Amino acid sequence: MRIAIGADHAGYDLKQLLADYLRHLGHVVIDTGTNSAEPVDYPDYAETLATALLDGRAERGVLICGSGVGASVSANKIPGIRAGLCHNTYSARQGVEHDAMNVLVLGARVVGVELARELVVNFLAATFCGEERHRRRVEKIAALERRYGK
């Protein structure tokens, strides 16, 4: 799978570790920055990662900031992005299966490396179930984006 991975300065180290791990698992990794631990603004990297998904360069994304909150809020402002901040494997899997989540958001100051790896594996192994009730709900999310001009 082609995975975009991006982070702000607080998530830089975890991004590097996860990118190597994803490559080890056989995925193609598209690194959308940042490229150092120098302070940057997370909305910029949320947008860069989202663009990689929307233009088809990546199938899924992993986005990291200090808490994960700011990156999640930023990514979800972009139509077509369904980003979920996850701290447990159930949410990482279920977010894809029921909500068609296409971006996993992690807080580098919240989760450790081993949990982050487990979250990514669960996120990538999951597929949208396509049940009518879940399709209906995802369509309602898209309708909200259209209605409010996001």
N, C-alpha and C. Protein backbone atom coordinates (compact mmCIF):
# COMPACT_ATOMS: atom_id res chain seq x y z
N MET A 1 0.85 -1.18 0.00
CA MET A 1 0.00 0.00 0.00
C MET A 1 0.90 1.24 0.00
N ARG A 2 0.41 2.31 -0.63
CA ARG A 2 1.13 3.59 -0.63
C ARG A 2 0.61 4.42 0.55
N ILE A 3 1.52 4.74 1.47
CA ILE A 3 1.16 5.43 2.70
C ILE A 3 1.87 6.77 2.75
N ALA A 4 1.10 7.85 2.91
CA ALA A 4 1.69 9.16 3.17
C ALA A 4 1.88 9.29 4.67
N ILE A 5 3.01 9.80 5.07
CA ILE A 5 3.26 10.02 6.50
C ILE A 5 3.83 11.41 6.67
N GLY A 6 3.27 12.13 7.63
CA GLY A 6 3.70 13.50 7.87
C GLY A 6 3.60 13.85 9.33
N ALA A 7 4.33 14.87 9.72
CA ALA A 7 4.37 15.28 11.12
C ALA A 7 4.86 16.70 11.24
N ASP A 8 4.54 17.30 12.38
CA ASP A 8 5.19 18.55 12.74
C ASP A 8 6.47 18.20 13.51
N HIS A 9 7.10 19.19 14.09
CA HIS A 9 8.36 18.98 14.80
C HIS A 9 8.21 18.02 15.97
N ALA A 10 7.08 18.08 16.68
CA ALA A 10 6.89 17.21 17.84
C ALA A 10 6.73 15.76 17.43
N GLY A 11 6.25 15.52 16.23
CA GLY A 11 6.07 14.16 15.75
C GLY A 11 7.17 13.65 14.85
N TYR A 12 8.19 14.48 14.63
CA TYR A 12 9.24 14.12 13.67
C TYR A 12 9.91 12.78 13.99
N ASP A 13 10.35 12.58 15.21
CA ASP A 13 11.07 11.34 15.54
C ASP A 13 10.18 10.11 15.36
N LEU A 14 8.94 10.19 15.82
CA LEU A 14 8.02 9.06 15.65
C LEU A 14 7.74 8.83 14.17
N LYS A 15 7.63 9.89 13.40
CA LYS A 15 7.41 9.75 11.95
C LYS A 15 8.54 8.97 11.32
N GLN A 16 9.75 9.31 11.67
CA GLN A 16 10.91 8.63 11.09
C GLN A 16 10.88 7.14 11.43
N LEU A 17 10.60 6.82 12.70
CA LEU A 17 10.55 5.42 13.12
C LEU A 17 9.43 4.66 12.41
N LEU A 18 8.25 5.27 12.31
CA LEU A 18 7.13 4.60 11.65
C LEU A 18 7.35 4.46 10.15
N ALA A 19 7.97 5.44 9.54
CA ALA A 19 8.26 5.34 8.10
C ALA A 19 9.18 4.14 7.83
N ASP A 20 10.21 3.98 8.64
CA ASP A 20 11.11 2.83 8.49
C ASP A 20 10.36 1.52 8.72
N TYR A 21 9.50 1.50 9.72
CA TYR A 21 8.72 0.31 10.03
C TYR A 21 7.79 -0.05 8.87
N LEU A 22 7.13 0.94 8.31
CA LEU A 22 6.22 0.71 7.18
C LEU A 22 6.98 0.18 5.97
N ARG A 23 8.15 0.72 5.71
CA ARG A 23 8.97 0.21 4.60
C ARG A 23 9.37 -1.24 4.85
N HIS A 24 9.73 -1.54 6.09
CA HIS A 24 10.08 -2.91 6.48
C HIS A 24 8.91 -3.87 6.23
N LEU A 25 7.68 -3.39 6.41
CA LEU A 25 6.49 -4.21 6.18
C LEU A 25 6.14 -4.31 4.70
N GLY A 26 6.87 -3.59 3.84
CA GLY A 26 6.66 -3.68 2.40
C GLY A 26 5.81 -2.59 1.79
N HIS A 27 5.46 -1.58 2.56
CA HIS A 27 4.66 -0.48 2.05
C HIS A 27 5.54 0.56 1.36
N VAL A 28 4.96 1.27 0.42
CA VAL A 28 5.62 2.42 -0.19
C VAL A 28 5.28 3.62 0.68
N VAL A 29 6.30 4.34 1.13
CA VAL A 29 6.10 5.46 2.04
C VAL A 29 6.38 6.77 1.32
N ILE A 30 5.42 7.66 1.38
CA ILE A 30 5.57 9.01 0.85
C ILE A 30 5.70 9.94 2.05
N ASP A 31 6.88 10.45 2.27
CA ASP A 31 7.15 11.32 3.41
C ASP A 31 6.77 12.74 3.03
N THR A 32 5.77 13.29 3.72
CA THR A 32 5.29 14.63 3.39
C THR A 32 5.84 15.69 4.36
N GLY A 33 6.89 15.34 5.09
CA GLY A 33 7.54 16.29 5.98
C GLY A 33 6.92 16.29 7.36
N THR A 34 7.49 17.03 8.18
CA THR A 34 8.63 17.89 8.19
C THR A 34 9.89 17.02 8.17
N ASN A 35 11.01 17.69 7.92
CA ASN A 35 12.26 16.96 7.77
C ASN A 35 13.26 17.23 8.87
N SER A 36 12.78 17.77 9.98
CA SER A 36 13.65 18.01 11.13
C SER A 36 12.79 18.28 12.36
N ALA A 37 13.45 18.45 13.48
CA ALA A 37 12.73 18.76 14.73
C ALA A 37 12.63 20.27 14.96
N GLU A 38 12.97 21.06 13.95
CA GLU A 38 12.82 22.52 14.06
C GLU A 38 11.34 22.87 14.08
N PRO A 39 10.93 23.81 14.93
CA PRO A 39 9.50 24.15 15.05
C PRO A 39 8.85 24.55 13.72
N VAL A 40 7.68 23.93 13.47
CA VAL A 40 6.86 24.22 12.30
C VAL A 40 5.40 24.22 12.74
N ASP A 41 4.51 24.54 11.83
CA ASP A 41 3.08 24.60 12.13
C ASP A 41 2.36 23.37 11.58
N TYR A 42 1.69 22.62 12.45
CA TYR A 42 1.05 21.37 12.06
C TYR A 42 0.00 21.51 10.96
N PRO A 43 -0.76 22.63 10.84
CA PRO A 43 -1.73 22.69 9.74
C PRO A 43 -1.08 22.57 8.36
N ASP A 44 0.14 23.07 8.22
CA ASP A 44 0.83 22.98 6.94
C ASP A 44 1.08 21.52 6.55
N TYR A 45 1.44 20.70 7.52
CA TYR A 45 1.76 19.30 7.25
C TYR A 45 0.51 18.45 7.13
N ALA A 46 -0.55 18.85 7.80
CA ALA A 46 -1.84 18.18 7.61
C ALA A 46 -2.31 18.38 6.17
N GLU A 47 -2.18 19.59 5.67
CA GLU A 47 -2.59 19.88 4.30
C GLU A 47 -1.72 19.14 3.29
N THR A 48 -0.43 19.12 3.49
CA THR A 48 0.47 18.43 2.56
C THR A 48 0.15 16.94 2.50
N LEU A 49 -0.08 16.33 3.66
CA LEU A 49 -0.43 14.91 3.70
C LEU A 49 -1.78 14.68 3.02
N ALA A 50 -2.77 15.50 3.32
CA ALA A 50 -4.10 15.35 2.72
C ALA A 50 -4.03 15.46 1.21
N THR A 51 -3.22 16.36 0.71
CA THR A 51 -3.07 16.54 -0.73
C THR A 51 -2.53 15.27 -1.38
N ALA A 52 -1.62 14.58 -0.71
CA ALA A 52 -1.08 13.33 -1.25
C ALA A 52 -2.18 12.28 -1.41
N LEU A 53 -3.13 12.26 -0.48
CA LEU A 53 -4.26 11.32 -0.60
C LEU A 53 -5.22 11.76 -1.69
N LEU A 54 -5.56 13.03 -1.70
CA LEU A 54 -6.57 13.52 -2.63
C LEU A 54 -6.11 13.47 -4.08
N ASP A 55 -4.81 13.61 -4.31
CA ASP A 55 -4.32 13.55 -5.70
C ASP A 55 -3.90 12.15 -6.11
N GLY A 56 -4.11 11.17 -5.22
CA GLY A 56 -3.88 9.78 -5.58
C GLY A 56 -2.47 9.25 -5.40
N ARG A 57 -1.58 10.05 -4.84
CA ARG A 57 -0.22 9.55 -4.61
C ARG A 57 -0.18 8.54 -3.48
N ALA A 58 -1.14 8.61 -2.56
CA ALA A 58 -1.18 7.69 -1.42
C ALA A 58 -2.61 7.20 -1.23
N GLU A 59 -2.72 6.01 -0.66
CA GLU A 59 -4.03 5.42 -0.38
C GLU A 59 -4.51 5.73 1.03
N ARG A 60 -3.58 5.86 1.95
CA ARG A 60 -3.89 6.19 3.35
C ARG A 60 -2.79 7.11 3.87
N GLY A 61 -3.10 7.74 5.03
CA GLY A 61 -2.13 8.63 5.63
C GLY A 61 -1.98 8.41 7.12
N VAL A 62 -0.79 8.70 7.62
CA VAL A 62 -0.50 8.71 9.05
C VAL A 62 0.07 10.09 9.36
N LEU A 63 -0.61 10.79 10.26
CA LEU A 63 -0.27 12.17 10.58
C LEU A 63 0.02 12.27 12.06
N ILE A 64 1.11 12.97 12.42
CA ILE A 64 1.56 12.99 13.81
C ILE A 64 1.89 14.41 14.24
N CYS A 65 1.39 14.77 15.42
CA CYS A 65 1.84 15.99 16.09
C CYS A 65 2.01 15.65 17.56
N GLY A 66 2.22 16.62 18.40
CA GLY A 66 2.48 16.34 19.81
C GLY A 66 1.34 15.60 20.49
N SER A 67 0.14 16.16 20.45
CA SER A 67 -1.02 15.51 21.06
C SER A 67 -1.86 14.76 20.04
N GLY A 68 -1.75 15.12 18.79
CA GLY A 68 -2.59 14.58 17.73
C GLY A 68 -3.83 15.42 17.49
N VAL A 69 -4.19 16.25 18.45
CA VAL A 69 -5.44 17.01 18.36
C VAL A 69 -5.37 18.05 17.24
N GLY A 70 -4.37 18.89 17.25
CA GLY A 70 -4.27 19.94 16.23
C GLY A 70 -4.19 19.39 14.83
N ALA A 71 -3.41 18.33 14.64
CA ALA A 71 -3.28 17.72 13.32
C ALA A 71 -4.62 17.13 12.88
N SER A 72 -5.34 16.52 13.80
CA SER A 72 -6.64 15.93 13.48
C SER A 72 -7.64 17.02 13.08
N VAL A 73 -7.71 18.08 13.87
CA VAL A 73 -8.63 19.17 13.55
C VAL A 73 -8.29 19.75 12.18
N SER A 74 -7.02 19.97 11.92
CA SER A 74 -6.59 20.55 10.64
C SER A 74 -6.93 19.65 9.47
N ALA A 75 -6.60 18.38 9.57
CA ALA A 75 -6.84 17.45 8.46
C ALA A 75 -8.32 17.35 8.15
N ASN A 76 -9.15 17.36 9.16
CA ASN A 76 -10.59 17.21 8.95
C ASN A 76 -11.25 18.44 8.35
N LYS A 77 -10.53 19.52 8.18
CA LYS A 77 -11.06 20.69 7.49
C LYS A 77 -11.01 20.51 5.97
N ILE A 78 -10.31 19.49 5.51
CA ILE A 78 -10.09 19.28 4.08
C ILE A 78 -11.11 18.27 3.56
N PRO A 79 -11.96 18.67 2.61
CA PRO A 79 -12.98 17.76 2.09
C PRO A 79 -12.36 16.47 1.57
N GLY A 80 -12.99 15.36 1.93
CA GLY A 80 -12.52 14.05 1.50
C GLY A 80 -11.58 13.39 2.48
N ILE A 81 -11.15 14.13 3.48
CA ILE A 81 -10.29 13.56 4.51
C ILE A 81 -11.13 13.21 5.72
N ARG A 82 -10.96 11.99 6.17
CA ARG A 82 -11.63 11.51 7.38
C ARG A 82 -10.52 11.02 8.32
N ALA A 83 -10.05 11.95 9.14
CA ALA A 83 -8.93 11.68 10.03
C ALA A 83 -9.44 11.35 11.42
N GLY A 84 -8.83 10.34 12.03
CA GLY A 84 -9.19 9.95 13.38
C GLY A 84 -7.99 9.89 14.28
N LEU A 85 -8.10 10.55 15.42
CA LEU A 85 -7.06 10.49 16.45
C LEU A 85 -7.32 9.23 17.26
N CYS A 86 -6.37 8.31 17.24
CA CYS A 86 -6.57 7.02 17.90
C CYS A 86 -5.45 6.73 18.89
N HIS A 87 -5.87 6.18 20.04
CA HIS A 87 -4.92 5.76 21.07
C HIS A 87 -5.11 4.30 21.43
N ASN A 88 -6.01 3.60 20.69
CA ASN A 88 -6.20 2.17 20.94
C ASN A 88 -6.45 1.47 19.61
N THR A 89 -6.15 0.18 19.57
CA THR A 89 -6.23 -0.57 18.32
C THR A 89 -7.66 -0.73 17.83
N TYR A 90 -8.61 -0.82 18.73
CA TYR A 90 -10.01 -0.94 18.31
C TYR A 90 -10.42 0.27 17.47
N SER A 91 -10.13 1.46 17.94
CA SER A 91 -10.50 2.67 17.21
C SER A 91 -9.77 2.78 15.88
N ALA A 92 -8.51 2.38 15.85
CA ALA A 92 -7.74 2.45 14.61
C ALA A 92 -8.33 1.53 13.55
N ARG A 93 -8.82 0.37 13.94
CA ARG A 93 -9.43 -0.58 13.02
C ARG A 93 -10.88 -0.17 12.69
N GLN A 94 -11.67 0.08 13.71
CA GLN A 94 -13.08 0.38 13.54
C GLN A 94 -13.30 1.69 12.78
N GLY A 95 -12.39 2.65 12.96
CA GLY A 95 -12.51 3.91 12.23
C GLY A 95 -12.49 3.71 10.72
N VAL A 96 -11.74 2.73 10.27
CA VAL A 96 -11.72 2.41 8.84
C VAL A 96 -12.95 1.60 8.48
N GLU A 97 -13.25 0.56 9.25
CA GLU A 97 -14.34 -0.36 8.94
C GLU A 97 -15.70 0.33 8.89
N HIS A 98 -15.96 1.25 9.80
CA HIS A 98 -17.28 1.88 9.89
C HIS A 98 -17.33 3.30 9.36
N ASP A 99 -16.23 4.03 9.45
CA ASP A 99 -16.24 5.45 9.13
C ASP A 99 -15.40 5.82 7.90
N ALA A 100 -14.82 4.81 7.25
CA ALA A 100 -13.98 5.03 6.07
C ALA A 100 -12.85 6.02 6.37
N MET A 101 -12.31 5.94 7.59
CA MET A 101 -11.19 6.79 7.99
C MET A 101 -10.02 6.55 7.04
N ASN A 102 -9.46 7.63 6.51
CA ASN A 102 -8.32 7.47 5.60
C ASN A 102 -7.03 8.07 6.14
N VAL A 103 -7.10 8.71 7.30
CA VAL A 103 -5.90 9.24 7.95
C VAL A 103 -5.94 8.86 9.42
N LEU A 104 -4.89 8.18 9.85
CA LEU A 104 -4.69 7.87 11.27
C LEU A 104 -3.86 8.99 11.87
N VAL A 105 -4.35 9.60 12.93
CA VAL A 105 -3.61 10.67 13.60
C VAL A 105 -3.11 10.14 14.93
N LEU A 106 -1.87 10.44 15.22
CA LEU A 106 -1.23 10.00 16.46
C LEU A 106 -0.64 11.18 17.21
N GLY A 107 -0.66 11.08 18.52
CA GLY A 107 0.01 12.06 19.37
C GLY A 107 1.34 11.49 19.83
N ALA A 108 2.42 12.06 19.36
CA ALA A 108 3.76 11.54 19.68
C ALA A 108 4.07 11.66 21.17
N ARG A 109 3.43 12.60 21.85
CA ARG A 109 3.65 12.76 23.28
C ARG A 109 2.65 11.96 24.11
N VAL A 110 1.81 11.19 23.42
CA VAL A 110 0.76 10.43 24.07
C VAL A 110 0.98 8.92 23.95
N VAL A 111 1.37 8.47 22.76
CA VAL A 111 1.57 7.03 22.53
C VAL A 111 3.06 6.73 22.38
N GLY A 112 3.45 5.57 22.85
CA GLY A 112 4.83 5.11 22.68
C GLY A 112 5.01 4.47 21.31
N VAL A 113 6.24 4.14 21.00
CA VAL A 113 6.58 3.59 19.69
C VAL A 113 5.87 2.27 19.44
N GLU A 114 5.88 1.36 20.41
CA GLU A 114 5.26 0.05 20.19
C GLU A 114 3.75 0.17 19.97
N LEU A 115 3.07 1.00 20.74
CA LEU A 115 1.65 1.20 20.53
C LEU A 115 1.40 1.85 19.18
N ALA A 116 2.22 2.82 18.81
CA ALA A 116 2.08 3.47 17.51
C ALA A 116 2.19 2.45 16.38
N ARG A 117 3.12 1.53 16.48
CA ARG A 117 3.24 0.47 15.46
C ARG A 117 1.97 -0.37 15.40
N GLU A 118 1.44 -0.76 16.56
CA GLU A 118 0.21 -1.56 16.60
C GLU A 118 -0.97 -0.80 15.99
N LEU A 119 -1.04 0.48 16.28
CA LEU A 119 -2.13 1.30 15.74
C LEU A 119 -2.05 1.36 14.22
N VAL A 120 -0.86 1.57 13.71
CA VAL A 120 -0.66 1.65 12.25
C VAL A 120 -1.00 0.31 11.60
N VAL A 121 -0.57 -0.78 12.17
CA VAL A 121 -0.86 -2.10 11.59
C VAL A 121 -2.37 -2.34 11.55
N ASN A 122 -3.08 -2.04 12.63
CA ASN A 122 -4.53 -2.22 12.66
C ASN A 122 -5.23 -1.30 11.66
N PHE A 123 -4.80 -0.08 11.57
CA PHE A 123 -5.36 0.89 10.62
C PHE A 123 -5.20 0.39 9.19
N LEU A 124 -4.01 -0.06 8.85
CA LEU A 124 -3.74 -0.48 7.47
C LEU A 124 -4.38 -1.81 7.12
N ALA A 125 -4.59 -2.67 8.09
CA ALA A 125 -5.19 -3.98 7.83
C ALA A 125 -6.70 -3.90 7.64
N ALA A 126 -7.31 -2.83 8.09
CA ALA A 126 -8.76 -2.69 8.04
C ALA A 126 -9.24 -2.22 6.67
N THR A 127 -10.47 -2.61 6.35
CA THR A 127 -11.12 -2.12 5.13
C THR A 127 -12.54 -1.67 5.49
N PHE A 128 -13.03 -0.72 4.74
CA PHE A 128 -14.39 -0.23 4.95
C PHE A 128 -15.36 -1.37 4.68
N CYS A 129 -16.27 -1.62 5.61
CA CYS A 129 -17.16 -2.78 5.50
C CYS A 129 -18.22 -2.59 4.42
N GLY A 130 -18.61 -1.37 4.13
CA GLY A 130 -19.57 -1.10 3.07
C GLY A 130 -21.01 -1.39 3.40
N GLU A 131 -21.29 -1.72 4.66
CA GLU A 131 -22.68 -1.94 5.04
C GLU A 131 -23.50 -0.67 4.80
N GLU A 132 -24.76 -0.84 4.48
CA GLU A 132 -25.62 0.28 4.12
C GLU A 132 -25.60 1.38 5.17
N ARG A 133 -25.71 1.03 6.44
CA ARG A 133 -25.77 2.05 7.49
C ARG A 133 -24.48 2.86 7.56
N HIS A 134 -23.35 2.21 7.28
CA HIS A 134 -22.07 2.92 7.31
C HIS A 134 -21.87 3.76 6.05
N ARG A 135 -22.29 3.24 4.90
CA ARG A 135 -22.24 4.04 3.67
C ARG A 135 -23.10 5.29 3.82
N ARG A 136 -24.29 5.12 4.40
CA ARG A 136 -25.21 6.25 4.61
C ARG A 136 -24.55 7.32 5.48
N ARG A 137 -23.91 6.90 6.53
CA ARG A 137 -23.28 7.85 7.46
C ARG A 137 -22.10 8.57 6.81
N VAL A 138 -21.29 7.84 6.06
CA VAL A 138 -20.16 8.47 5.37
C VAL A 138 -20.68 9.46 4.33
N GLU A 139 -21.76 9.13 3.65
CA GLU A 139 -22.36 10.07 2.70
C GLU A 139 -22.86 11.32 3.41
N LYS A 140 -23.39 11.17 4.60
CA LYS A 140 -23.83 12.34 5.36
C LYS A 140 -22.66 13.24 5.74
N ILE A 141 -21.51 12.64 6.01
CA ILE A 141 -20.30 13.43 6.28
C ILE A 141 -19.94 14.23 5.02
N ALA A 142 -19.97 13.57 3.87
CA ALA A 142 -19.67 14.27 2.61
C ALA A 142 -20.68 15.38 2.36
N ALA A 143 -21.94 15.14 2.71
CA ALA A 143 -22.97 16.17 2.53
C ALA A 143 -22.69 17.38 3.42
N LEU A 144 -22.21 17.14 4.62
CA LEU A 144 -21.83 18.25 5.50
C LEU A 144 -20.71 19.07 4.87
N GLU A 145 -19.73 18.39 4.28
CA GLU A 145 -18.63 19.11 3.62
C GLU A 145 -19.17 19.99 2.50
N ARG A 146 -20.07 19.43 1.70
CA ARG A 146 -20.65 20.22 0.60
C ARG A 146 -21.49 21.37 1.12
N ARG A 147 -22.28 21.11 2.13
CA ARG A 147 -23.21 22.11 2.67
C ARG A 147 -22.47 23.32 3.23
N TYR A 148 -21.38 23.08 3.90
CA TYR A 148 -20.67 24.18 4.57
C TYR A 148 -19.45 24.63 3.79
N GLY A 149 -19.30 24.18 2.57
CA GLY A 149 -18.25 24.67 1.70
C GLY A 149 -16.85 24.37 2.17
N LYS A 150 -16.69 23.27 2.88
CA LYS A 150 -15.36 22.91 3.37
C LYS A 150 -14.46 22.51 2.24
